[in-house]
Structure formats: structure tokens, C-alpha cells
Amino acid sequence: QINTALPRGDRQALTLAVLQYSREIAFDAAEVYARAAETR
């Protein structure tokens, strides 16, 4: 969507931002499943 719906000048910075943010999301998922596994 960034590469098709947003201006060309925004794309590089937003693509790099998505990559960094996705790392945070991965850590969020790992934390949730680790807590669930600990509880189980």
C-alpha cells in the first residue's frame, strides 16, 4: 500500500519504518506466546 497509495517521496522512509516496526510486532507476539506458554 505504501508503494502504491502514497507519494513517491514518502516510500523509502515509510518502507524502512515498516521494517523496524515489524520487529517490534514480532517481539510483541513472542512476549504474548511466551506468557501463554508459561501459564499453560
PDB file of all heavy atoms in Angstrom:
ATOM      1  N   GLN A   1       0.827  -1.204   0.000  1.00  0.00           N
ATOM      2  CA  GLN A   1       0.000   0.000   0.000  1.00  0.00           C
ATOM      3  C   GLN A   1       0.869   1.265   0.000  1.00  0.00           C
ATOM      4  O   GLN A   1       0.530   2.263  -0.659  1.00  0.00           O
ATOM      5  CB  GLN A   1      -0.917   0.000   1.219  1.00  0.00           C
ATOM      6  CG  GLN A   1      -2.017  -1.060   1.161  1.00  0.00           C
ATOM      7  CD  GLN A   1      -3.060  -0.757   0.097  1.00  0.00           C
ATOM      8  OE1 GLN A   1      -3.576   0.355   0.015  1.00  0.00           O
ATOM      9  NE2 GLN A   1      -3.346  -1.732  -0.746  1.00  0.00           N
ATOM     10  N   ILE A   2       1.964   1.221   0.735  1.00  0.00           N
ATOM     11  CA  ILE A   2       2.877   2.383   0.754  1.00  0.00           C
ATOM     12  C   ILE A   2       3.411   2.649  -0.645  1.00  0.00           C
ATOM     13  O   ILE A   2       3.504   3.807  -1.087  1.00  0.00           O
ATOM     14  CB  ILE A   2       4.024   2.133   1.752  1.00  0.00           C
ATOM     15  CG1 ILE A   2       3.497   2.230   3.189  1.00  0.00           C
ATOM     16  CG2 ILE A   2       5.176   3.116   1.533  1.00  0.00           C
ATOM     17  CD1 ILE A   2       4.509   1.814   4.232  1.00  0.00           C
ATOM     18  N   ASN A   3       3.760   1.589  -1.367  1.00  0.00           N
ATOM     19  CA  ASN A   3       4.368   1.745  -2.685  1.00  0.00           C
ATOM     20  C   ASN A   3       3.363   2.044  -3.787  1.00  0.00           C
ATOM     21  O   ASN A   3       3.760   2.313  -4.926  1.00  0.00           O
ATOM     22  CB  ASN A   3       5.147   0.484  -3.056  1.00  0.00           C
ATOM     23  CG  ASN A   3       6.398   0.320  -2.228  1.00  0.00           C
ATOM     24  OD1 ASN A   3       7.077   1.299  -1.933  1.00  0.00           O
ATOM     25  ND2 ASN A   3       6.703  -0.910  -1.835  1.00  0.00           N
ATOM     26  N   THR A   4       2.060   1.978  -3.456  1.00  0.00           N
ATOM     27  CA  THR A   4       1.058   2.260  -4.499  1.00  0.00           C
ATOM     28  C   THR A   4       0.150   3.431  -4.150  1.00  0.00           C
ATOM     29  O   THR A   4      -0.325   4.122  -5.045  1.00  0.00           O
ATOM     30  CB  THR A   4       0.179   1.015  -4.738  1.00  0.00           C
ATOM     31  OG1 THR A   4      -0.430   0.621  -3.497  1.00  0.00           O
ATOM     32  CG2 THR A   4       1.012  -0.132  -5.278  1.00  0.00           C
ATOM     33  N   ALA A   5      -0.097   3.677  -2.857  1.00  0.00           N
ATOM     34  CA  ALA A   5      -1.097   4.676  -2.476  1.00  0.00           C
ATOM     35  C   ALA A   5      -0.495   5.962  -1.938  1.00  0.00           C
ATOM     36  O   ALA A   5      -1.233   6.926  -1.706  1.00  0.00           O
ATOM     37  CB  ALA A   5      -2.041   4.084  -1.432  1.00  0.00           C
ATOM     38  N   LEU A   6       0.807   6.005  -1.727  1.00  0.00           N
ATOM     39  CA  LEU A   6       1.434   7.194  -1.151  1.00  0.00           C
ATOM     40  C   LEU A   6       2.428   7.792  -2.122  1.00  0.00           C
ATOM     41  O   LEU A   6       2.950   7.106  -3.013  1.00  0.00           O
ATOM     42  CB  LEU A   6       2.134   6.824   0.166  1.00  0.00           C
ATOM     43  CG  LEU A   6       1.179   6.448   1.312  1.00  0.00           C
ATOM     44  CD1 LEU A   6       1.956   5.897   2.492  1.00  0.00           C
ATOM     45  CD2 LEU A   6       0.337   7.650   1.738  1.00  0.00           C
ATOM     46  N   PRO A   7       2.719   9.099  -1.964  1.00  0.00           N
ATOM     47  CA  PRO A   7       3.653   9.760  -2.880  1.00  0.00           C
ATOM     48  C   PRO A   7       5.007   9.070  -2.898  1.00  0.00           C
ATOM     49  O   PRO A   7       5.451   8.490  -1.899  1.00  0.00           O
ATOM     50  CB  PRO A   7       3.757  11.181  -2.316  1.00  0.00           C
ATOM     51  CG  PRO A   7       2.493  11.374  -1.537  1.00  0.00           C
ATOM     52  CD  PRO A   7       2.154  10.028  -0.979  1.00  0.00           C
ATOM     53  N   ARG A   8       5.693   9.166  -4.043  1.00  0.00           N
ATOM     54  CA  ARG A   8       6.980   8.523  -4.210  1.00  0.00           C
ATOM     55  C   ARG A   8       7.992   8.987  -3.171  1.00  0.00           C
ATOM     56  O   ARG A   8       8.819   8.207  -2.685  1.00  0.00           O
ATOM     57  CB  ARG A   8       7.494   8.795  -5.627  1.00  0.00           C
ATOM     58  CG  ARG A   8       8.703   7.957  -6.028  1.00  0.00           C
ATOM     59  CD  ARG A   8       9.102   8.277  -7.459  1.00  0.00           C
ATOM     60  NE  ARG A   8       8.016   7.971  -8.379  1.00  0.00           N
ATOM     61  CZ  ARG A   8       7.801   6.773  -8.914  1.00  0.00           C
ATOM     62  NH1 ARG A   8       8.597   5.776  -8.589  1.00  0.00           N
ATOM     63  NH2 ARG A   8       6.816   6.583  -9.749  1.00  0.00           N
ATOM     64  N   GLY A   9       7.926  10.237  -2.782  1.00  0.00           N
ATOM     65  CA  GLY A   9       8.894  10.754  -1.826  1.00  0.00           C
ATOM     66  C   GLY A   9       8.723  10.185  -0.420  1.00  0.00           C
ATOM     67  O   GLY A   9       9.654  10.258   0.395  1.00  0.00           O
ATOM     68  N   ASP A  10       7.558   9.654  -0.136  1.00  0.00           N
ATOM     69  CA  ASP A  10       7.318   9.079   1.199  1.00  0.00           C
ATOM     70  C   ASP A  10       7.765   7.617   1.315  1.00  0.00           C
ATOM     71  O   ASP A  10       7.928   7.090   2.417  1.00  0.00           O
ATOM     72  CB  ASP A  10       5.817   9.134   1.541  1.00  0.00           C
ATOM     73  CG  ASP A  10       5.299  10.557   1.656  1.00  0.00           C
ATOM     74  OD1 ASP A  10       6.116  11.478   1.595  1.00  0.00           O
ATOM     75  OD2 ASP A  10       4.066  10.711   1.801  1.00  0.00           O
ATOM     76  N   ARG A  11       7.961   6.952   0.194  1.00  0.00           N
ATOM     77  CA  ARG A  11       8.034   5.500   0.191  1.00  0.00           C
ATOM     78  C   ARG A  11       9.281   4.946   0.890  1.00  0.00           C
ATOM     79  O   ARG A  11       9.196   3.989   1.656  1.00  0.00           O
ATOM     80  CB  ARG A  11       7.958   4.986  -1.251  1.00  0.00           C
ATOM     81  CG  ARG A  11       6.613   5.285  -1.893  1.00  0.00           C
ATOM     82  CD  ARG A  11       6.578   4.895  -3.355  1.00  0.00           C
ATOM     83  NE  ARG A  11       5.310   5.299  -3.978  1.00  0.00           N
ATOM     84  CZ  ARG A  11       5.031   5.161  -5.263  1.00  0.00           C
ATOM     85  NH1 ARG A  11       5.948   4.640  -6.084  1.00  0.00           N
ATOM     86  NH2 ARG A  11       3.874   5.563  -5.748  1.00  0.00           N
ATOM     87  N   GLN A  12      10.426   5.529   0.621  1.00  0.00           N
ATOM     88  CA  GLN A  12      11.649   4.966   1.185  1.00  0.00           C
ATOM     89  C   GLN A  12      11.632   5.025   2.716  1.00  0.00           C
ATOM     90  O   GLN A  12      11.907   4.031   3.398  1.00  0.00           O
ATOM     91  CB  GLN A  12      12.880   5.701   0.650  1.00  0.00           C
ATOM     92  CG  GLN A  12      14.188   5.132   1.183  1.00  0.00           C
ATOM     93  CD  GLN A  12      15.403   5.817   0.597  1.00  0.00           C
ATOM     94  OE1 GLN A  12      15.289   6.756  -0.191  1.00  0.00           O
ATOM     95  NE2 GLN A  12      16.590   5.359   0.963  1.00  0.00           N
ATOM     96  N   ALA A  13      11.287   6.187   3.258  1.00  0.00           N
ATOM     97  CA  ALA A  13      11.285   6.331   4.716  1.00  0.00           C
ATOM     98  C   ALA A  13      10.223   5.434   5.359  1.00  0.00           C
ATOM     99  O   ALA A  13      10.469   4.799   6.387  1.00  0.00           O
ATOM    100  CB  ALA A  13      11.047   7.789   5.097  1.00  0.00           C
ATOM    101  N   LEU A  14       9.043   5.380   4.729  1.00  0.00           N
ATOM    102  CA  LEU A  14       7.978   4.551   5.310  1.00  0.00           C
ATOM    103  C   LEU A  14       8.300   3.059   5.213  1.00  0.00           C
ATOM    104  O   LEU A  14       7.957   2.285   6.114  1.00  0.00           O
ATOM    105  CB  LEU A  14       6.656   4.855   4.620  1.00  0.00           C
ATOM    106  CG  LEU A  14       6.035   6.232   4.945  1.00  0.00           C
ATOM    107  CD1 LEU A  14       4.803   6.479   4.087  1.00  0.00           C
ATOM    108  CD2 LEU A  14       5.682   6.301   6.421  1.00  0.00           C
ATOM    109  N   THR A  15       8.948   2.643   4.129  1.00  0.00           N
ATOM    110  CA  THR A  15       9.335   1.227   3.999  1.00  0.00           C
ATOM    111  C   THR A  15      10.333   0.838   5.079  1.00  0.00           C
ATOM    112  O   THR A  15      10.220  -0.223   5.707  1.00  0.00           O
ATOM    113  CB  THR A  15       9.928   0.973   2.609  1.00  0.00           C
ATOM    114  OG1 THR A  15       8.939   1.268   1.608  1.00  0.00           O
ATOM    115  CG2 THR A  15      10.355  -0.483   2.474  1.00  0.00           C
ATOM    116  N   LEU A  16      11.317   1.704   5.321  1.00  0.00           N
ATOM    117  CA  LEU A  16      12.272   1.443   6.402  1.00  0.00           C
ATOM    118  C   LEU A  16      11.571   1.432   7.755  1.00  0.00           C
ATOM    119  O   LEU A  16      11.895   0.629   8.634  1.00  0.00           O
ATOM    120  CB  LEU A  16      13.381   2.496   6.388  1.00  0.00           C
ATOM    121  CG  LEU A  16      14.348   2.427   5.192  1.00  0.00           C
ATOM    122  CD1 LEU A  16      15.282   3.633   5.203  1.00  0.00           C
ATOM    123  CD2 LEU A  16      15.142   1.129   5.232  1.00  0.00           C
ATOM    124  N   ALA A  17      10.587   2.318   7.913  1.00  0.00           N
ATOM    125  CA  ALA A  17       9.846   2.363   9.172  1.00  0.00           C
ATOM    126  C   ALA A  17       9.054   1.074   9.393  1.00  0.00           C
ATOM    127  O   ALA A  17       8.975   0.560  10.521  1.00  0.00           O
ATOM    128  CB  ALA A  17       8.917   3.568   9.186  1.00  0.00           C
ATOM    129  N   VAL A  18       8.441   0.545   8.321  1.00  0.00           N
ATOM    130  CA  VAL A  18       7.694  -0.704   8.435  1.00  0.00           C
ATOM    131  C   VAL A  18       8.603  -1.839   8.889  1.00  0.00           C
ATOM    132  O   VAL A  18       8.247  -2.647   9.759  1.00  0.00           O
ATOM    133  CB  VAL A  18       7.018  -1.060   7.094  1.00  0.00           C
ATOM    134  CG1 VAL A  18       6.500  -2.490   7.115  1.00  0.00           C
ATOM    135  CG2 VAL A  18       5.873  -0.119   6.815  1.00  0.00           C
ATOM    136  N   LEU A  19       9.804  -1.905   8.328  1.00  0.00           N
ATOM    137  CA  LEU A  19      10.734  -2.963   8.695  1.00  0.00           C
ATOM    138  C   LEU A  19      11.085  -2.893  10.177  1.00  0.00           C
ATOM    139  O   LEU A  19      11.136  -3.911  10.877  1.00  0.00           O
ATOM    140  CB  LEU A  19      11.995  -2.868   7.840  1.00  0.00           C
ATOM    141  CG  LEU A  19      11.819  -3.171   6.348  1.00  0.00           C
ATOM    142  CD1 LEU A  19      13.129  -2.955   5.614  1.00  0.00           C
ATOM    143  CD2 LEU A  19      11.329  -4.591   6.143  1.00  0.00           C
ATOM    144  N   GLN A  20      11.335  -1.678  10.665  1.00  0.00           N
ATOM    145  CA  GLN A  20      11.706  -1.546  12.070  1.00  0.00           C
ATOM    146  C   GLN A  20      10.509  -1.807  12.979  1.00  0.00           C
ATOM    147  O   GLN A  20      10.634  -2.440  14.030  1.00  0.00           O
ATOM    148  CB  GLN A  20      12.272  -0.141  12.333  1.00  0.00           C
ATOM    149  CG  GLN A  20      12.845  -0.003  13.734  1.00  0.00           C
ATOM    150  CD  GLN A  20      13.847   1.108  13.832  1.00  0.00           C
ATOM    151  OE1 GLN A  20      14.278   1.659  12.831  1.00  0.00           O
ATOM    152  NE2 GLN A  20      14.224   1.452  15.050  1.00  0.00           N
ATOM    153  N   TYR A  21       9.356  -1.337  12.577  1.00  0.00           N
ATOM    154  CA  TYR A  21       8.161  -1.539  13.392  1.00  0.00           C
ATOM    155  C   TYR A  21       7.766  -3.015  13.438  1.00  0.00           C
ATOM    156  O   TYR A  21       7.294  -3.510  14.471  1.00  0.00           O
ATOM    157  CB  TYR A  21       7.005  -0.709  12.842  1.00  0.00           C
ATOM    158  CG  TYR A  21       5.742  -0.817  13.660  1.00  0.00           C
ATOM    159  CD1 TYR A  21       5.633  -0.207  14.903  1.00  0.00           C
ATOM    160  CD2 TYR A  21       4.641  -1.537  13.177  1.00  0.00           C
ATOM    161  CE1 TYR A  21       4.465  -0.310  15.653  1.00  0.00           C
ATOM    162  CE2 TYR A  21       3.480  -1.641  13.918  1.00  0.00           C
ATOM    163  CZ  TYR A  21       3.394  -1.033  15.173  1.00  0.00           C
ATOM    164  OH  TYR A  21       2.246  -1.143  15.913  1.00  0.00           O
ATOM    165  N   SER A  22       7.963  -3.725  12.324  1.00  0.00           N
ATOM    166  CA  SER A  22       7.602  -5.146  12.298  1.00  0.00           C
ATOM    167  C   SER A  22       8.442  -5.937  13.288  1.00  0.00           C
ATOM    168  O   SER A  22       7.987  -6.953  13.826  1.00  0.00           O
ATOM    169  CB  SER A  22       7.779  -5.715  10.888  1.00  0.00           C
ATOM    170  OG  SER A  22       9.143  -5.664  10.483  1.00  0.00           O
ATOM    171  N   ARG A  23       9.669  -5.470  13.556  1.00  0.00           N
ATOM    172  CA  ARG A  23      10.481  -6.126  14.571  1.00  0.00           C
ATOM    173  C   ARG A  23       9.831  -5.982  15.942  1.00  0.00           C
ATOM    174  O   ARG A  23       9.800  -6.931  16.741  1.00  0.00           O
ATOM    175  CB  ARG A  23      11.887  -5.521  14.587  1.00  0.00           C
ATOM    176  CG  ARG A  23      12.838  -6.213  15.546  1.00  0.00           C
ATOM    177  CD  ARG A  23      14.161  -5.505  15.623  1.00  0.00           C
ATOM    178  NE  ARG A  23      14.030  -4.191  16.236  1.00  0.00           N
ATOM    179  CZ  ARG A  23      15.057  -3.379  16.471  1.00  0.00           C
ATOM    180  NH1 ARG A  23      16.279  -3.735  16.107  1.00  0.00           N
ATOM    181  NH2 ARG A  23      14.859  -2.202  17.037  1.00  0.00           N
ATOM    182  N   GLU A  24       9.291  -4.797  16.227  1.00  0.00           N
ATOM    183  CA  GLU A  24       8.593  -4.587  17.492  1.00  0.00           C
ATOM    184  C   GLU A  24       7.364  -5.498  17.604  1.00  0.00           C
ATOM    185  O   GLU A  24       7.079  -6.054  18.683  1.00  0.00           O
ATOM    186  CB  GLU A  24       8.157  -3.118  17.607  1.00  0.00           C
ATOM    187  CG  GLU A  24       9.293  -2.117  17.540  1.00  0.00           C
ATOM    188  CD  GLU A  24      10.263  -2.304  18.688  1.00  0.00           C
ATOM    189  OE1 GLU A  24       9.799  -2.531  19.826  1.00  0.00           O
ATOM    190  OE2 GLU A  24      11.479  -2.249  18.448  1.00  0.00           O
ATOM    191  N   ILE A  25       6.651  -5.660  16.480  1.00  0.00           N
ATOM    192  CA  ILE A  25       5.471  -6.522  16.484  1.00  0.00           C
ATOM    193  C   ILE A  25       5.874  -7.976  16.750  1.00  0.00           C
ATOM    194  O   ILE A  25       5.188  -8.709  17.473  1.00  0.00           O
ATOM    195  CB  ILE A  25       4.721  -6.417  15.147  1.00  0.00           C
ATOM    196  CG1 ILE A  25       4.238  -4.984  14.925  1.00  0.00           C
ATOM    197  CG2 ILE A  25       3.537  -7.374  15.124  1.00  0.00           C
ATOM    198  CD1 ILE A  25       3.318  -4.479  15.993  1.00  0.00           C
ATOM    199  N   ALA A  26       6.995  -8.390  16.159  1.00  0.00           N
ATOM    200  CA  ALA A  26       7.468  -9.756  16.384  1.00  0.00           C
ATOM    201  C   ALA A  26       7.777  -9.981  17.859  1.00  0.00           C
ATOM    202  O   ALA A  26       7.461 -11.034  18.425  1.00  0.00           O
ATOM    203  CB  ALA A  26       8.700 -10.025  15.526  1.00  0.00           C
ATOM    204  N   PHE A  27       8.394  -8.976  18.491  1.00  0.00           N
ATOM    205  CA  PHE A  27       8.679  -9.095  19.922  1.00  0.00           C
ATOM    206  C   PHE A  27       7.380  -9.141  20.729  1.00  0.00           C
ATOM    207  O   PHE A  27       7.279  -9.861  21.736  1.00  0.00           O
ATOM    208  CB  PHE A  27       9.549  -7.931  20.398  1.00  0.00           C
ATOM    209  CG  PHE A  27      10.993  -8.068  20.007  1.00  0.00           C
ATOM    210  CD1 PHE A  27      11.670  -7.014  19.424  1.00  0.00           C
ATOM    211  CD2 PHE A  27      11.669  -9.258  20.223  1.00  0.00           C
ATOM    212  CE1 PHE A  27      13.003  -7.139  19.062  1.00  0.00           C
ATOM    213  CE2 PHE A  27      13.004  -9.386  19.881  1.00  0.00           C
ATOM    214  CZ  PHE A  27      13.677  -8.328  19.288  1.00  0.00           C
ATOM    215  N   ASP A  28       6.379  -8.356  20.290  1.00  0.00           N
ATOM    216  CA  ASP A  28       5.075  -8.398  20.970  1.00  0.00           C
ATOM    217  C   ASP A  28       4.479  -9.802  20.919  1.00  0.00           C
ATOM    218  O   ASP A  28       3.982 -10.331  21.936  1.00  0.00           O
ATOM    219  CB  ASP A  28       4.105  -7.409  20.298  1.00  0.00           C
ATOM    220  CG  ASP A  28       4.403  -5.968  20.668  1.00  0.00           C
ATOM    221  OD1 ASP A  28       5.235  -5.760  21.570  1.00  0.00           O
ATOM    222  OD2 ASP A  28       3.818  -5.066  20.048  1.00  0.00           O
ATOM    223  N   ALA A  29       4.510 -10.417  19.728  1.00  0.00           N
ATOM    224  CA  ALA A  29       3.947 -11.749  19.576  1.00  0.00           C
ATOM    225  C   ALA A  29       4.706 -12.767  20.426  1.00  0.00           C
ATOM    226  O   ALA A  29       4.111 -13.615  21.084  1.00  0.00           O
ATOM    227  CB  ALA A  29       3.980 -12.171  18.105  1.00  0.00           C
ATOM    228  N   ALA A  30       6.037 -12.655  20.415  1.00  0.00           N
ATOM    229  CA  ALA A  30       6.839 -13.585  21.214  1.00  0.00           C
ATOM    230  C   ALA A  30       6.512 -13.444  22.696  1.00  0.00           C
ATOM    231  O   ALA A  30       6.412 -14.446  23.427  1.00  0.00           O
ATOM    232  CB  ALA A  30       8.324 -13.327  20.972  1.00  0.00           C
ATOM    233  N   GLU A  31       6.318 -12.216  23.168  1.00  0.00           N
ATOM    234  CA  GLU A  31       6.001 -11.990  24.574  1.00  0.00           C
ATOM    235  C   GLU A  31       4.655 -12.605  24.938  1.00  0.00           C
ATOM    236  O   GLU A  31       4.516 -13.258  25.986  1.00  0.00           O
ATOM    237  CB  GLU A  31       5.989 -10.489  24.857  1.00  0.00           C
ATOM    238  CG  GLU A  31       5.661 -10.140  26.299  1.00  0.00           C
ATOM    239  CD  GLU A  31       5.589  -8.635  26.530  1.00  0.00           C
ATOM    240  OE1 GLU A  31       5.754  -7.870  25.567  1.00  0.00           O
ATOM    241  OE2 GLU A  31       5.344  -8.247  27.677  1.00  0.00           O
ATOM    242  N   VAL A  32       3.659 -12.410  24.071  1.00  0.00           N
ATOM    243  CA  VAL A  32       2.326 -12.933  24.348  1.00  0.00           C
ATOM    244  C   VAL A  32       2.341 -14.454  24.420  1.00  0.00           C
ATOM    245  O   VAL A  32       1.801 -15.073  25.349  1.00  0.00           O
ATOM    246  CB  VAL A  32       1.330 -12.452  23.270  1.00  0.00           C
ATOM    247  CG1 VAL A  32       0.021 -13.231  23.357  1.00  0.00           C
ATOM    248  CG2 VAL A  32       1.054 -10.963  23.444  1.00  0.00           C
ATOM    249  N   TYR A  33       2.997 -15.090  23.440  1.00  0.00           N
ATOM    250  CA  TYR A  33       3.006 -16.555  23.421  1.00  0.00           C
ATOM    251  C   TYR A  33       3.886 -17.135  24.512  1.00  0.00           C
ATOM    252  O   TYR A  33       3.615 -18.225  25.020  1.00  0.00           O
ATOM    253  CB  TYR A  33       3.421 -17.059  22.040  1.00  0.00           C
ATOM    254  CG  TYR A  33       2.262 -17.095  21.081  1.00  0.00           C
ATOM    255  CD1 TYR A  33       1.904 -15.971  20.346  1.00  0.00           C
ATOM    256  CD2 TYR A  33       1.490 -18.239  20.946  1.00  0.00           C
ATOM    257  CE1 TYR A  33       0.820 -15.990  19.487  1.00  0.00           C
ATOM    258  CE2 TYR A  33       0.395 -18.274  20.091  1.00  0.00           C
ATOM    259  CZ  TYR A  33       0.065 -17.150  19.359  1.00  0.00           C
ATOM    260  OH  TYR A  33      -1.025 -17.173  18.525  1.00  0.00           O
ATOM    261  N   ALA A  34       4.948 -16.419  24.885  1.00  0.00           N
ATOM    262  CA  ALA A  34       5.783 -16.883  25.996  1.00  0.00           C
ATOM    263  C   ALA A  34       4.987 -16.850  27.299  1.00  0.00           C
ATOM    264  O   ALA A  34       5.055 -17.796  28.108  1.00  0.00           O
ATOM    265  CB  ALA A  34       7.037 -16.018  26.111  1.00  0.00           C
ATOM    266  N   ARG A  35       4.231 -15.785  27.515  1.00  0.00           N
ATOM    267  CA  ARG A  35       3.406 -15.707  28.724  1.00  0.00           C
ATOM    268  C   ARG A  35       2.324 -16.783  28.727  1.00  0.00           C
ATOM    269  O   ARG A  35       2.043 -17.404  29.764  1.00  0.00           O
ATOM    270  CB  ARG A  35       2.764 -14.330  28.832  1.00  0.00           C
ATOM    271  CG  ARG A  35       3.744 -13.216  29.209  1.00  0.00           C
ATOM    272  CD  ARG A  35       3.038 -11.891  29.264  1.00  0.00           C
ATOM    273  NE  ARG A  35       3.946 -10.824  29.642  1.00  0.00           N
ATOM    274  CZ  ARG A  35       3.620  -9.534  29.661  1.00  0.00           C
ATOM    275  NH1 ARG A  35       2.383  -9.169  29.310  1.00  0.00           N
ATOM    276  NH2 ARG A  35       4.505  -8.621  30.018  1.00  0.00           N
ATOM    277  N   ALA A  36       1.716 -17.009  27.552  1.00  0.00           N
ATOM    278  CA  ALA A  36       0.679 -18.043  27.472  1.00  0.00           C
ATOM    279  C   ALA A  36       1.270 -19.427  27.742  1.00  0.00           C
ATOM    280  O   ALA A  36       0.674 -20.246  28.442  1.00  0.00           O
ATOM    281  CB  ALA A  36       0.026 -18.017  26.091  1.00  0.00           C
ATOM    282  N   ALA A  37       2.466 -19.672  27.196  1.00  0.00           N
ATOM    283  CA  ALA A  37       3.117 -20.961  27.431  1.00  0.00           C
ATOM    284  C   ALA A  37       3.474 -21.135  28.898  1.00  0.00           C
ATOM    285  O   ALA A  37       3.336 -22.224  29.462  1.00  0.00           O
ATOM    286  CB  ALA A  37       4.365 -21.073  26.563  1.00  0.00           C
ATOM    287  N   GLU A  38       3.920 -20.054  29.527  1.00  0.00           N
ATOM    288  CA  GLU A  38       4.262 -20.128  30.948  1.00  0.00           C
ATOM    289  C   GLU A  38       3.028 -20.430  31.786  1.00  0.00           C
ATOM    290  O   GLU A  38       3.065 -21.243  32.715  1.00  0.00           O
ATOM    291  CB  GLU A  38       4.905 -18.818  31.389  1.00  0.00           C
ATOM    292  CG  GLU A  38       5.384 -18.821  32.825  1.00  0.00           C
ATOM    293  CD  GLU A  38       6.088 -17.533  33.209  1.00  0.00           C
ATOM    294  OE1 GLU A  38       6.215 -16.638  32.344  1.00  0.00           O
ATOM    295  OE2 GLU A  38       6.496 -17.419  34.369  1.00  0.00           O
ATOM    296  N   THR A  39       1.926 -19.776  31.437  1.00  0.00           N
ATOM    297  CA  THR A  39       0.679 -20.020  32.163  1.00  0.00           C
ATOM    298  C   THR A  39       0.194 -21.447  31.969  1.00  0.00           C
ATOM    299  O   THR A  39      -0.200 -22.128  32.914  1.00  0.00           O
ATOM    300  CB  THR A  39      -0.403 -19.031  31.691  1.00  0.00           C
ATOM    301  OG1 THR A  39       0.047 -17.693  31.925  1.00  0.00           O
ATOM    302  CG2 THR A  39      -1.701 -19.261  32.439  1.00  0.00           C
ATOM    303  N   ARG A  40       0.236 -21.914  30.694  1.00  0.00           N
ATOM    304  CA  ARG A  40      -0.180 -23.294  30.434  1.00  0.00           C
ATOM    305  C   ARG A  40       0.738 -24.278  31.135  1.00  0.00           C
ATOM    306  O   ARG A  40       0.291 -25.303  31.649  1.00  0.00           O
ATOM    307  CB  ARG A  40      -0.192 -23.563  28.920  1.00  0.00           C
ATOM    308  CG  ARG A  40      -1.378 -22.975  28.192  1.00  0.00           C
ATOM    309  CD  ARG A  40      -1.528 -23.594  26.817  1.00  0.00           C
ATOM    310  NE  ARG A  40      -0.354 -23.373  25.989  1.00  0.00           N
ATOM    311  CZ  ARG A  40      -0.176 -22.307  25.208  1.00  0.00           C
ATOM    312  NH1 ARG A  40      -1.103 -21.364  25.160  1.00  0.00           N
ATOM    313  NH2 ARG A  40       0.906 -22.177  24.485  1.00  0.00           N
TER     314      ARG A  40
END
